Amino acid sequence: MNPKPTVSFIVVSFNTEKLLRECLRSIETYEPEAETIVVDNQSKDGSVAMVRDEFPRAKLILSSENGGFAWANNLGIEASTSDYVVLFNSDAYLEDDSVSRCVAWLEAHPEFGAVSPLLYGVDGESQECFYLLPSFVEYLRISLRRPHTVITDDEADNAWLVGAAVVVRRTALKSIGDRLDDGYFMYWEDADLSIRLRRAGWRISRRSDCHVRHYGGGSGGGDNLDRPPLLQSWWVYGRYRWFARWRPPYETLALMLLDVVNILRTFLRGLIKPDRPRHWRQARIAAAMLARAVVQRPPYRPGGSPRRAAS
């Protein structure tokens, strides 16, 4: 009888065949004893066939509809059997045993529910993975062209972990219902996970002695101007959903007023910028999502509402 694996990697895939192959190869190389679960969100490329042919040890779950990133991760969490769950993006890959060292650190620090290794892009530049919890004051700083508040310590009581490569203790997950909030189709589910863990009494940490390589935007992300309109809509909706749940009501109202100013500013900037259509598109999306946020209407969900999955 094989011993239960200590770590379960949950990798959500959506049309990322080449990146997914690199991701899974790195897990096989540096975490050969781990349980690997791939949840495919109705990819149209060769991802499913590639996993079946090249990674037969991986547990493959086929979602019958594209229910979103959080929903797909929940399918993986339900199927996993380990004491530690790694939410691992398909556009990330390992270069050493950093995940095992994160697990060892959690074993030695039982008050912590989740940790993230440092993230580095393929260009060698660091990617922030530990942010100050969102607030109206922070968004006002960004609106005024001020940089994000940088957290220099590995532990902070007012921060959240980016979900590209997060190691979560199983008992911590169970304390918050054993699932992510799938009301977020894509984006903001990691900030929501972090604050829910904190409210349940767990601490979270970044580990500067561990790292993961991360491309970023593998399933259609990018900055606000380049994101596909539907994903940009979900980002805006997720922000309002998060603020409505975790910040005082007056901050949500102030954020809406700030967005009105920024929408007008983006529209006017388009009058003098050579890439006018991109700015105007962003202004239209932001205006539409602001209107939806007032009545808490989510954007269109591709494929309809998630219902089931198949192995």
C-alpha atoms as a PDB file:
ATOM      1  CA  MET A   1       0.000   0.000   0.000  1.00  0.00           C
ATOM      2  CA  ASN A   2       1.457   3.353  -1.043  1.00  0.00           C
ATOM      3  CA  PRO A   3       1.728   5.978   1.716  1.00  0.00           C
ATOM      4  CA  LYS A   4      -0.526   9.003   1.439  1.00  0.00           C
ATOM      5  CA  PRO A   5       1.329  11.859  -0.306  1.00  0.00           C
ATOM      6  CA  THR A   6       2.164  14.859   1.837  1.00  0.00           C
ATOM      7  CA  VAL A   7       1.431  17.378  -0.923  1.00  0.00           C
ATOM      8  CA  SER A   8      -1.290  17.667  -3.570  1.00  0.00           C
ATOM      9  CA  PHE A   9      -0.630  20.035  -6.483  1.00  0.00           C
ATOM     10  CA  ILE A  10      -3.813  21.416  -8.019  1.00  0.00           C
ATOM     11  CA  VAL A  11      -3.187  22.844 -11.480  1.00  0.00           C
ATOM     12  CA  VAL A  12      -6.057  24.520 -13.331  1.00  0.00           C
ATOM     13  CA  SER A  13      -5.612  24.584 -17.090  1.00  0.00           C
ATOM     14  CA  PHE A  14      -7.333  26.590 -19.789  1.00  0.00           C
ATOM     15  CA  ASN A  15      -5.651  26.505 -23.216  1.00  0.00           C
ATOM     16  CA  THR A  16      -2.108  26.488 -21.819  1.00  0.00           C
ATOM     17  CA  GLU A  17      -0.769  23.242 -23.337  1.00  0.00           C
ATOM     18  CA  LYS A  18       2.902  24.236 -23.673  1.00  0.00           C
ATOM     19  CA  LEU A  19       3.072  25.991 -20.323  1.00  0.00           C
ATOM     20  CA  LEU A  20       1.183  23.147 -18.644  1.00  0.00           C
ATOM     21  CA  ARG A  21       3.693  20.600 -19.974  1.00  0.00           C
ATOM     22  CA  GLU A  22       6.574  22.618 -18.504  1.00  0.00           C
ATOM     23  CA  CYS A  23       4.689  22.970 -15.217  1.00  0.00           C
ATOM     24  CA  LEU A  24       3.938  19.244 -14.864  1.00  0.00           C
ATOM     25  CA  ARG A  25       7.452  18.209 -15.847  1.00  0.00           C
ATOM     26  CA  SER A  26       8.857  20.407 -13.103  1.00  0.00           C
ATOM     27  CA  ILE A  27       6.529  18.842 -10.528  1.00  0.00           C
ATOM     28  CA  GLU A  28       7.582  15.349 -11.626  1.00  0.00           C
ATOM     29  CA  THR A  29      11.233  16.357 -11.380  1.00  0.00           C
ATOM     30  CA  TYR A  30      11.297  18.175  -8.042  1.00  0.00           C
ATOM     31  CA  GLU A  31       8.236  16.738  -6.234  1.00  0.00           C
ATOM     32  CA  PRO A  32       8.039  13.156  -7.544  1.00  0.00           C
ATOM     33  CA  GLU A  33       6.082  11.868  -4.534  1.00  0.00           C
ATOM     34  CA  ALA A  34       3.398  14.540  -4.771  1.00  0.00           C
ATOM     35  CA  GLU A  35      -0.164  13.947  -5.867  1.00  0.00           C
ATOM     36  CA  THR A  36      -0.816  15.965  -9.029  1.00  0.00           C
ATOM     37  CA  ILE A  37      -4.350  16.929 -10.005  1.00  0.00           C
ATOM     38  CA  VAL A  38      -5.016  18.750 -13.281  1.00  0.00           C
ATOM     39  CA  VAL A  39      -8.425  20.388 -13.644  1.00  0.00           C
ATOM     40  CA  ASP A  40      -9.116  21.315 -17.255  1.00  0.00           C
ATOM     41  CA  ASN A  41     -11.623  24.132 -17.737  1.00  0.00           C
ATOM     42  CA  GLN A  42     -12.805  23.090 -21.237  1.00  0.00           C
ATOM     43  CA  SER A  43      -9.563  23.793 -23.096  1.00  0.00           C
ATOM     44  CA  LYS A  44      -9.804  23.881 -26.877  1.00  0.00           C
ATOM     45  CA  ASP A  45      -6.124  23.131 -27.487  1.00  0.00           C
ATOM     46  CA  GLY A  46      -4.353  19.797 -26.953  1.00  0.00           C
ATOM     47  CA  SER A  47      -4.001  20.104 -23.188  1.00  0.00           C
ATOM     48  CA  VAL A  48      -6.191  17.141 -22.265  1.00  0.00           C
ATOM     49  CA  ALA A  49      -4.570  14.713 -24.712  1.00  0.00           C
ATOM     50  CA  MET A  50      -1.116  15.907 -23.661  1.00  0.00           C
ATOM     51  CA  VAL A  51      -1.786  15.234 -19.971  1.00  0.00           C
ATOM     52  CA  ARG A  52      -3.213  11.790 -20.709  1.00  0.00           C
ATOM     53  CA  ASP A  53      -0.330  10.815 -22.989  1.00  0.00           C
ATOM     54  CA  GLU A  54       2.635  12.338 -21.181  1.00  0.00           C
ATOM     55  CA  PHE A  55       1.610  12.441 -17.506  1.00  0.00           C
ATOM     56  CA  PRO A  56      -0.381   9.261 -16.789  1.00  0.00           C
ATOM     57  CA  ARG A  57       0.265   9.558 -13.032  1.00  0.00           C
ATOM     58  CA  ALA A  58      -1.589  12.877 -12.878  1.00  0.00           C
ATOM     59  CA  LYS A  59      -5.247  12.774 -11.893  1.00  0.00           C
ATOM     60  CA  LEU A  60      -7.153  14.547 -14.679  1.00  0.00           C
ATOM     61  CA  ILE A  61     -10.516  16.180 -14.012  1.00  0.00           C
ATOM     62  CA  LEU A  62     -12.501  17.531 -16.966  1.00  0.00           C
ATOM     63  CA  SER A  63     -14.940  20.265 -16.050  1.00  0.00           C
ATOM     64  CA  SER A  64     -18.101  20.049 -18.126  1.00  0.00           C
ATOM     65  CA  GLU A  65     -18.303  23.836 -18.178  1.00  0.00           C
ATOM     66  CA  ASN A  66     -15.794  26.630 -17.677  1.00  0.00           C
ATOM     67  CA  GLY A  67     -16.892  27.461 -14.162  1.00  0.00           C
ATOM     68  CA  GLY A  68     -13.945  29.726 -13.476  1.00  0.00           C
ATOM     69  CA  PHE A  69     -10.623  29.504 -11.666  1.00  0.00           C
ATOM     70  CA  ALA A  70     -11.912  29.232  -8.093  1.00  0.00           C
ATOM     71  CA  TRP A  71     -14.550  26.670  -9.046  1.00  0.00           C
ATOM     72  CA  ALA A  72     -11.982  24.505 -10.854  1.00  0.00           C
ATOM     73  CA  ASN A  73      -9.644  24.683  -7.862  1.00  0.00           C
ATOM     74  CA  ASN A  74     -12.512  23.502  -5.669  1.00  0.00           C
ATOM     75  CA  LEU A  75     -12.884  20.417  -7.874  1.00  0.00           C
ATOM     76  CA  GLY A  76      -9.206  19.718  -7.308  1.00  0.00           C
ATOM     77  CA  ILE A  77      -9.439  20.306  -3.564  1.00  0.00           C
ATOM     78  CA  GLU A  78     -12.344  17.848  -3.344  1.00  0.00           C
ATOM     79  CA  ALA A  79     -10.326  15.195  -5.201  1.00  0.00           C
ATOM     80  CA  SER A  80      -7.079  15.716  -3.260  1.00  0.00           C
ATOM     81  CA  THR A  81      -5.950  13.484  -0.408  1.00  0.00           C
ATOM     82  CA  SER A  82      -2.901  15.181   1.117  1.00  0.00           C
ATOM     83  CA  ASP A  83      -2.232  17.138   4.279  1.00  0.00           C
ATOM     84  CA  TYR A  84      -1.062  20.140   2.231  1.00  0.00           C
ATOM     85  CA  VAL A  85      -2.631  21.546  -0.922  1.00  0.00           C
ATOM     86  CA  VAL A  86      -0.634  23.596  -3.422  1.00  0.00           C
ATOM     87  CA  LEU A  87      -2.688  25.925  -5.612  1.00  0.00           C
ATOM     88  CA  PHE A  88      -0.308  26.081  -8.564  1.00  0.00           C
ATOM     89  CA  ASN A  89      -0.839  28.042 -11.783  1.00  0.00           C
ATOM     90  CA  SER A  90      -0.299  26.243 -15.073  1.00  0.00           C
ATOM     91  CA  ASP A  91       2.078  29.033 -16.142  1.00  0.00           C
ATOM     92  CA  ALA A  92       4.369  28.433 -13.157  1.00  0.00           C
ATOM     93  CA  TYR A  93       7.130  25.867 -12.743  1.00  0.00           C
ATOM     94  CA  LEU A  94       9.526  24.609 -10.101  1.00  0.00           C
ATOM     95  CA  GLU A  95      13.291  24.912 -10.216  1.00  0.00           C
ATOM     96  CA  ASP A  96      14.089  23.181  -6.917  1.00  0.00           C
ATOM     97  CA  ASP A  97      12.429  21.688  -3.823  1.00  0.00           C
ATOM     98  CA  SER A  98      10.978  25.011  -2.670  1.00  0.00           C
ATOM     99  CA  VAL A  99       7.494  23.567  -2.142  1.00  0.00           C
ATOM    100  CA  SER A 100       8.829  20.794   0.112  1.00  0.00           C
ATOM    101  CA  ARG A 101      10.699  23.416   2.115  1.00  0.00           C
ATOM    102  CA  CYS A 102       7.518  25.485   2.421  1.00  0.00           C
ATOM    103  CA  VAL A 103       5.746  22.394   3.756  1.00  0.00           C
ATOM    104  CA  ALA A 104       8.574  21.722   6.224  1.00  0.00           C
ATOM    105  CA  TRP A 105       8.307  25.327   7.425  1.00  0.00           C
ATOM    106  CA  LEU A 106       4.545  24.969   7.939  1.00  0.00           C
ATOM    107  CA  GLU A 107       5.132  21.750   9.874  1.00  0.00           C
ATOM    108  CA  ALA A 108       7.394  23.689  12.221  1.00  0.00           C
ATOM    109  CA  HIS A 109       4.982  26.632  12.542  1.00  0.00           C
ATOM    110  CA  PRO A 110       1.491  25.265  13.260  1.00  0.00           C
ATOM    111  CA  GLU A 111      -0.075  28.708  13.668  1.00  0.00           C
ATOM    112  CA  PHE A 112       0.401  29.425   9.944  1.00  0.00           C
ATOM    113  CA  GLY A 113      -2.231  28.242   7.490  1.00  0.00           C
ATOM    114  CA  ALA A 114      -0.618  29.156   4.174  1.00  0.00           C
ATOM    115  CA  VAL A 115       2.669  30.287   2.676  1.00  0.00           C
ATOM    116  CA  SER A 116       3.893  31.366  -0.736  1.00  0.00           C
ATOM    117  CA  PRO A 117       7.414  31.135  -2.133  1.00  0.00           C
ATOM    118  CA  LEU A 118       8.817  34.155  -3.901  1.00  0.00           C
ATOM    119  CA  LEU A 119       7.768  34.524  -7.541  1.00  0.00           C
ATOM    120  CA  TYR A 120      10.224  35.315 -10.318  1.00  0.00           C
ATOM    121  CA  GLY A 121       9.349  35.916 -13.951  1.00  0.00           C
ATOM    122  CA  VAL A 122      11.156  34.149 -16.772  1.00  0.00           C
ATOM    123  CA  ASP A 123      12.940  37.464 -17.335  1.00  0.00           C
ATOM    124  CA  GLY A 124      14.520  37.115 -13.898  1.00  0.00           C
ATOM    125  CA  GLU A 125      12.546  40.000 -12.430  1.00  0.00           C
ATOM    126  CA  SER A 126      10.796  39.490  -9.096  1.00  0.00           C
ATOM    127  CA  GLN A 127       6.995  39.440  -9.027  1.00  0.00           C
ATOM    128  CA  GLU A 128       5.272  40.622  -5.886  1.00  0.00           C
ATOM    129  CA  CYS A 129       3.351  37.853  -4.123  1.00  0.00           C
ATOM    130  CA  PHE A 130       2.586  39.517  -0.760  1.00  0.00           C
ATOM    131  CA  TYR A 131       0.385  42.612  -0.916  1.00  0.00           C
ATOM    132  CA  LEU A 132      -1.178  44.934   1.608  1.00  0.00           C
ATOM    133  CA  LEU A 133      -4.858  44.060   2.008  1.00  0.00           C
ATOM    134  CA  PRO A 134      -6.912  46.189  -0.408  1.00  0.00           C
ATOM    135  CA  SER A 135      -8.433  49.389   0.940  1.00  0.00           C
ATOM    136  CA  PHE A 136      -9.752  52.643  -0.458  1.00  0.00           C
ATOM    137  CA  VAL A 137      -6.648  54.474   0.792  1.00  0.00           C
ATOM    138  CA  GLU A 138      -4.401  52.104  -1.161  1.00  0.00           C
ATOM    139  CA  TYR A 139      -6.440  52.532  -4.336  1.00  0.00           C
ATOM    140  CA  LEU A 140      -6.349  56.293  -3.898  1.00  0.00           C
ATOM    141  CA  ARG A 141      -2.531  56.092  -3.737  1.00  0.00           C
ATOM    142  CA  ILE A 142      -2.461  54.078  -6.964  1.00  0.00           C
ATOM    143  CA  SER A 143      -4.862  56.509  -8.630  1.00  0.00           C
ATOM    144  CA  LEU A 144      -2.484  59.334  -7.744  1.00  0.00           C
ATOM    145  CA  ARG A 145       0.338  57.438  -9.499  1.00  0.00           C
ATOM    146  CA  ARG A 146       1.929  56.365  -6.250  1.00  0.00           C
ATOM    147  CA  PRO A 147       3.476  52.883  -6.080  1.00  0.00           C
ATOM    148  CA  HIS A 148       1.893  50.000  -4.205  1.00  0.00           C
ATOM    149  CA  THR A 149       2.798  49.870  -0.548  1.00  0.00           C
ATOM    150  CA  VAL A 150       5.650  47.365  -0.364  1.00  0.00           C
ATOM    151  CA  ILE A 151       5.687  44.763   2.409  1.00  0.00           C
ATOM    152  CA  THR A 152       9.291  44.009   3.254  1.00  0.00           C
ATOM    153  CA  ASP A 153       8.765  41.410   5.991  1.00  0.00           C
ATOM    154  CA  ASP A 154       7.846  37.794   5.328  1.00  0.00           C
ATOM    155  CA  GLU A 155       5.072  37.989   7.902  1.00  0.00           C
ATOM    156  CA  ALA A 156       2.447  40.703   8.153  1.00  0.00           C
ATOM    157  CA  ASP A 157      -1.007  40.774   9.714  1.00  0.00           C
ATOM    158  CA  ASN A 158      -2.487  43.024   7.018  1.00  0.00           C
ATOM    159  CA  ALA A 159      -1.408  41.250   3.823  1.00  0.00           C
ATOM    160  CA  TRP A 160      -2.664  38.705   1.299  1.00  0.00           C
ATOM    161  CA  LEU A 161      -0.927  36.073  -0.823  1.00  0.00           C
ATOM    162  CA  VAL A 162      -1.066  35.971  -4.616  1.00  0.00           C
ATOM    163  CA  GLY A 163      -2.514  32.613  -5.676  1.00  0.00           C
ATOM    164  CA  ALA A 164       0.074  31.602  -8.284  1.00  0.00           C
ATOM    165  CA  ALA A 165       1.840  29.124  -5.976  1.00  0.00           C
ATOM    166  CA  VAL A 166       0.286  28.942  -2.517  1.00  0.00           C
ATOM    167  CA  VAL A 167       0.838  26.060  -0.094  1.00  0.00           C
ATOM    168  CA  VAL A 168      -2.205  25.689   2.173  1.00  0.00           C
ATOM    169  CA  ARG A 169      -2.547  23.488   5.224  1.00  0.00           C
ATOM    170  CA  ARG A 170      -5.478  21.064   4.891  1.00  0.00           C
ATOM    171  CA  THR A 171      -6.794  21.803   8.373  1.00  0.00           C
ATOM    172  CA  ALA A 172      -6.746  25.517   7.536  1.00  0.00           C
ATOM    173  CA  LEU A 173      -8.801  24.870   4.404  1.00  0.00           C
ATOM    174  CA  LYS A 174     -11.277  22.798   6.387  1.00  0.00           C
ATOM    175  CA  SER A 175     -11.712  25.639   8.860  1.00  0.00           C
ATOM    176  CA  ILE A 176     -13.092  27.860   6.061  1.00  0.00           C
ATOM    177  CA  GLY A 177     -15.305  25.270   4.398  1.00  0.00           C
ATOM    178  CA  ASP A 178     -12.627  23.445   2.374  1.00  0.00           C
ATOM    179  CA  ARG A 179     -13.131  25.606  -0.703  1.00  0.00           C
ATOM    180  CA  LEU A 180     -12.462  28.890  -2.416  1.00  0.00           C
ATOM    181  CA  ASP A 181     -15.308  31.331  -3.034  1.00  0.00           C
ATOM    182  CA  ASP A 182     -16.356  30.461  -6.592  1.00  0.00           C
ATOM    183  CA  GLY A 183     -18.441  33.619  -6.830  1.00  0.00           C
ATOM    184  CA  TYR A 184     -15.182  35.014  -8.216  1.00  0.00           C
ATOM    185  CA  PHE A 185     -14.846  33.652 -11.743  1.00  0.00           C
ATOM    186  CA  MET A 186     -11.238  34.772 -12.068  1.00  0.00           C
ATOM    187  CA  TYR A 187      -9.147  37.177  -9.952  1.00  0.00           C
ATOM    188  CA  TRP A 188      -9.613  38.168  -6.289  1.00  0.00           C
ATOM    189  CA  GLU A 189     -10.244  34.642  -5.040  1.00  0.00           C
ATOM    190  CA  ASP A 190      -6.709  34.643  -3.584  1.00  0.00           C
ATOM    191  CA  ALA A 191      -7.246  37.878  -1.646  1.00  0.00           C
ATOM    192  CA  ASP A 192     -10.527  36.412  -0.427  1.00  0.00           C
ATOM    193  CA  LEU A 193      -8.814  33.165   0.620  1.00  0.00           C
ATOM    194  CA  SER A 194      -6.171  35.068   2.570  1.00  0.00           C
ATOM    195  CA  ILE A 195      -8.606  37.169   4.580  1.00  0.00           C
ATOM    196  CA  ARG A 196     -10.863  34.178   5.281  1.00  0.00           C
ATOM    197  CA  LEU A 197      -7.890  32.259   6.666  1.00  0.00           C
ATOM    198  CA  ARG A 198      -6.998  35.258   8.832  1.00  0.00           C
ATOM    199  CA  ARG A 199     -10.554  35.589  10.131  1.00  0.00           C
ATOM    200  CA  ALA A 200     -10.434  31.875  11.037  1.00  0.00           C
ATOM    201  CA  GLY A 201      -7.370  32.534  13.210  1.00  0.00           C
ATOM    202  CA  TRP A 202      -4.575  31.466  10.856  1.00  0.00           C
ATOM    203  CA  ARG A 203      -1.489  33.457   9.941  1.00  0.00           C
ATOM    204  CA  ILE A 204       0.006  33.559   6.435  1.00  0.00           C
ATOM    205  CA  SER A 205       3.551  34.143   5.257  1.00  0.00           C
ATOM    206  CA  ARG A 206       5.861  34.683   2.308  1.00  0.00           C
ATOM    207  CA  ARG A 207       9.035  32.564   2.327  1.00  0.00           C
ATOM    208  CA  SER A 208      11.995  34.483   0.945  1.00  0.00           C
ATOM    209  CA  ASP A 209      14.230  31.398   0.993  1.00  0.00           C
ATOM    210  CA  CYS A 210      11.999  29.617  -1.553  1.00  0.00           C
ATOM    211  CA  HIS A 211      10.984  30.541  -5.079  1.00  0.00           C
ATOM    212  CA  VAL A 212       8.881  29.544  -8.100  1.00  0.00           C
ATOM    213  CA  ARG A 213       9.239  30.730 -11.691  1.00  0.00           C
ATOM    214  CA  HIS A 214       6.039  32.309 -13.046  1.00  0.00           C
ATOM    215  CA  TYR A 215       5.226  33.552 -16.545  1.00  0.00           C
ATOM    216  CA  GLY A 216       2.048  35.403 -15.552  1.00  0.00           C
ATOM    217  CA  GLY A 217      -1.118  35.877 -17.610  1.00  0.00           C
ATOM    218  CA  GLY A 218      -0.930  32.413 -19.160  1.00  0.00           C
ATOM    219  CA  SER A 219      -4.715  32.070 -19.505  1.00  0.00           C
ATOM    220  CA  GLY A 220      -5.400  35.508 -20.902  1.00  0.00           C
ATOM    221  CA  GLY A 221      -4.328  38.043 -18.297  1.00  0.00           C
ATOM    222  CA  GLY A 222      -2.146  41.069 -18.777  1.00  0.00           C
ATOM    223  CA  ASP A 223      -2.459  44.617 -17.577  1.00  0.00           C
ATOM    224  CA  ASN A 224      -5.767  46.442 -17.487  1.00  0.00           C
ATOM    225  CA  LEU A 225      -5.500  47.775 -21.034  1.00  0.00           C
ATOM    226  CA  ASP A 226      -4.577  44.437 -22.618  1.00  0.00           C
ATOM    227  CA  ARG A 227      -6.860  42.057 -20.711  1.00  0.00           C
ATOM    228  CA  PRO A 228      -9.750  40.648 -22.785  1.00  0.00           C
ATOM    229  CA  PRO A 229     -12.944  42.573 -22.001  1.00  0.00           C
ATOM    230  CA  LEU A 230     -14.663  39.656 -20.245  1.00  0.00           C
ATOM    231  CA  LEU A 231     -11.711  39.040 -17.918  1.00  0.00           C
ATOM    232  CA  GLN A 232     -11.380  42.758 -17.234  1.00  0.00           C
ATOM    233  CA  SER A 233     -15.074  42.773 -16.326  1.00  0.00           C
ATOM    234  CA  TRP A 234     -14.545  39.920 -13.870  1.00  0.00           C
ATOM    235  CA  TRP A 235     -11.564  41.713 -12.320  1.00  0.00           C
ATOM    236  CA  VAL A 236     -13.682  44.827 -11.685  1.00  0.00           C
ATOM    237  CA  TYR A 237     -16.616  42.777 -10.403  1.00  0.00           C
ATOM    238  CA  GLY A 238     -14.315  40.790  -8.111  1.00  0.00           C
ATOM    239  CA  ARG A 239     -12.907  43.953  -6.596  1.00  0.00           C
ATOM    240  CA  TYR A 240     -16.374  45.246  -5.685  1.00  0.00           C
ATOM    241  CA  ARG A 241     -17.403  41.822  -4.426  1.00  0.00           C
ATOM    242  CA  TRP A 242     -14.335  41.718  -2.175  1.00  0.00           C
ATOM    243  CA  PHE A 243     -14.847  45.250  -0.865  1.00  0.00           C
ATOM    244  CA  ALA A 244     -18.543  44.591  -0.168  1.00  0.00           C
ATOM    245  CA  ARG A 245     -17.619  41.575   1.950  1.00  0.00           C
ATOM    246  CA  TRP A 246     -14.541  42.737   3.787  1.00  0.00           C
ATOM    247  CA  ARG A 247     -14.414  46.539   3.937  1.00  0.00           C
ATOM    248  CA  PRO A 248     -16.748  49.116   5.537  1.00  0.00           C
ATOM    249  CA  PRO A 249     -19.653  50.197   3.279  1.00  0.00           C
ATOM    250  CA  TYR A 250     -18.339  53.749   3.038  1.00  0.00           C
ATOM    251  CA  GLU A 251     -15.139  52.450   1.416  1.00  0.00           C
ATOM    252  CA  THR A 252     -17.137  50.729  -1.324  1.00  0.00           C
ATOM    253  CA  LEU A 253     -18.999  53.971  -1.993  1.00  0.00           C
ATOM    254  CA  ALA A 254     -15.753  55.955  -2.015  1.00  0.00           C
ATOM    255  CA  LEU A 255     -14.243  53.412  -4.423  1.00  0.00           C
ATOM    256  CA  MET A 256     -17.188  53.882  -6.778  1.00  0.00           C
ATOM    257  CA  LEU A 257     -16.690  57.659  -6.754  1.00  0.00           C
ATOM    258  CA  LEU A 258     -12.978  57.191  -7.376  1.00  0.00           C
ATOM    259  CA  ASP A 259     -13.789  54.910 -10.300  1.00  0.00           C
ATOM    260  CA  VAL A 260     -16.038  57.562 -11.830  1.00  0.00           C
ATOM    261  CA  VAL A 261     -13.108  59.988 -11.754  1.00  0.00           C
ATOM    262  CA  ASN A 262     -10.754  57.392 -13.228  1.00  0.00           C
ATOM    263  CA  ILE A 263     -13.213  56.464 -15.988  1.00  0.00           C
ATOM    264  CA  LEU A 264     -13.420  60.106 -17.050  1.00  0.00           C
ATOM    265  CA  ARG A 265      -9.656  60.443 -16.849  1.00  0.00           C
ATOM    266  CA  THR A 266      -9.122  57.314 -18.968  1.00  0.00           C
ATOM    267  CA  PHE A 267     -11.606  58.556 -21.579  1.00  0.00           C
ATOM    268  CA  LEU A 268      -9.938  61.967 -21.783  1.00  0.00           C
ATOM    269  CA  ARG A 269      -6.497  60.375 -21.969  1.00  0.00           C
ATOM    270  CA  GLY A 270      -7.695  58.474 -25.019  1.00  0.00           C
ATOM    271  CA  LEU A 271      -8.199  61.786 -26.814  1.00  0.00           C
ATOM    272  CA  ILE A 272      -4.465  62.498 -26.762  1.00  0.00           C
ATOM    273  CA  LYS A 273      -2.966  59.012 -26.836  1.00  0.00           C
ATOM    274  CA  PRO A 274      -2.156  57.186 -30.086  1.00  0.00           C
ATOM    275  CA  ASP A 275      -3.672  53.952 -28.691  1.00  0.00           C
ATOM    276  CA  ARG A 276      -7.061  55.632 -28.228  1.00  0.00           C
ATOM    277  CA  PRO A 277      -9.220  52.485 -28.758  1.00  0.00           C
ATOM    278  CA  ARG A 278      -7.519  50.659 -25.887  1.00  0.00           C
ATOM    279  CA  HIS A 279      -8.161  53.494 -23.442  1.00  0.00           C
ATOM    280  CA  TRP A 280     -11.748  53.956 -24.567  1.00  0.00           C
ATOM    281  CA  ARG A 281     -12.397  50.225 -24.346  1.00  0.00           C
ATOM    282  CA  GLN A 282     -11.131  50.207 -20.778  1.00  0.00           C
ATOM    283  CA  ALA A 283     -13.313  53.217 -19.929  1.00  0.00           C
ATOM    284  CA  ARG A 284     -16.405  51.503 -21.395  1.00  0.00           C
ATOM    285  CA  ILE A 285     -15.757  48.274 -19.486  1.00  0.00           C
ATOM    286  CA  ALA A 286     -15.125  50.117 -16.231  1.00  0.00           C
ATOM    287  CA  ALA A 287     -18.313  52.155 -16.665  1.00  0.00           C
ATOM    288  CA  ALA A 288     -20.386  49.051 -17.420  1.00  0.00           C
ATOM    289  CA  MET A 289     -18.962  47.184 -14.450  1.00  0.00           C
ATOM    290  CA  LEU A 290     -19.488  50.152 -12.152  1.00  0.00           C
ATOM    291  CA  ALA A 291     -23.168  50.104 -13.119  1.00  0.00           C
ATOM    292  CA  ARG A 292     -23.349  46.343 -12.476  1.00  0.00           C
ATOM    293  CA  ALA A 293     -21.555  46.713  -9.143  1.00  0.00           C
ATOM    294  CA  VAL A 294     -24.306  48.979  -7.843  1.00  0.00           C
ATOM    295  CA  VAL A 295     -26.786  46.094  -8.135  1.00  0.00           C
ATOM    296  CA  GLN A 296     -24.178  43.294  -7.595  1.00  0.00           C
ATOM    297  CA  ARG A 297     -24.748  41.689 -11.001  1.00  0.00           C
ATOM    298  CA  PRO A 298     -21.843  39.485 -12.123  1.00  0.00           C
ATOM    299  CA  PRO A 299     -20.656  39.530 -15.736  1.00  0.00           C
ATOM    300  CA  TYR A 300     -21.520  36.824 -18.233  1.00  0.00           C
ATOM    301  CA  ARG A 301     -20.028  33.464 -17.182  1.00  0.00           C
ATOM    302  CA  PRO A 302     -18.700  31.459 -20.174  1.00  0.00           C
ATOM    303  CA  GLY A 303     -20.653  28.236 -20.636  1.00  0.00           C
ATOM    304  CA  GLY A 304     -23.331  29.154 -18.123  1.00  0.00           C
ATOM    305  CA  SER A 305     -23.404  28.180 -14.472  1.00  0.00           C
ATOM    306  CA  PRO A 306     -21.000  25.410 -13.347  1.00  0.00           C
ATOM    307  CA  ARG A 307     -22.768  22.185 -12.444  1.00  0.00           C
ATOM    308  CA  ARG A 308     -20.635  19.089 -12.738  1.00  0.00           C
ATOM    309  CA  ALA A 309     -17.293  17.586 -13.646  1.00  0.00           C
ATOM    310  CA  ALA A 310     -16.092  14.357 -15.223  1.00  0.00           C
ATOM    311  CA  SER A 311     -12.888  12.367 -14.768  1.00  0.00           C
END
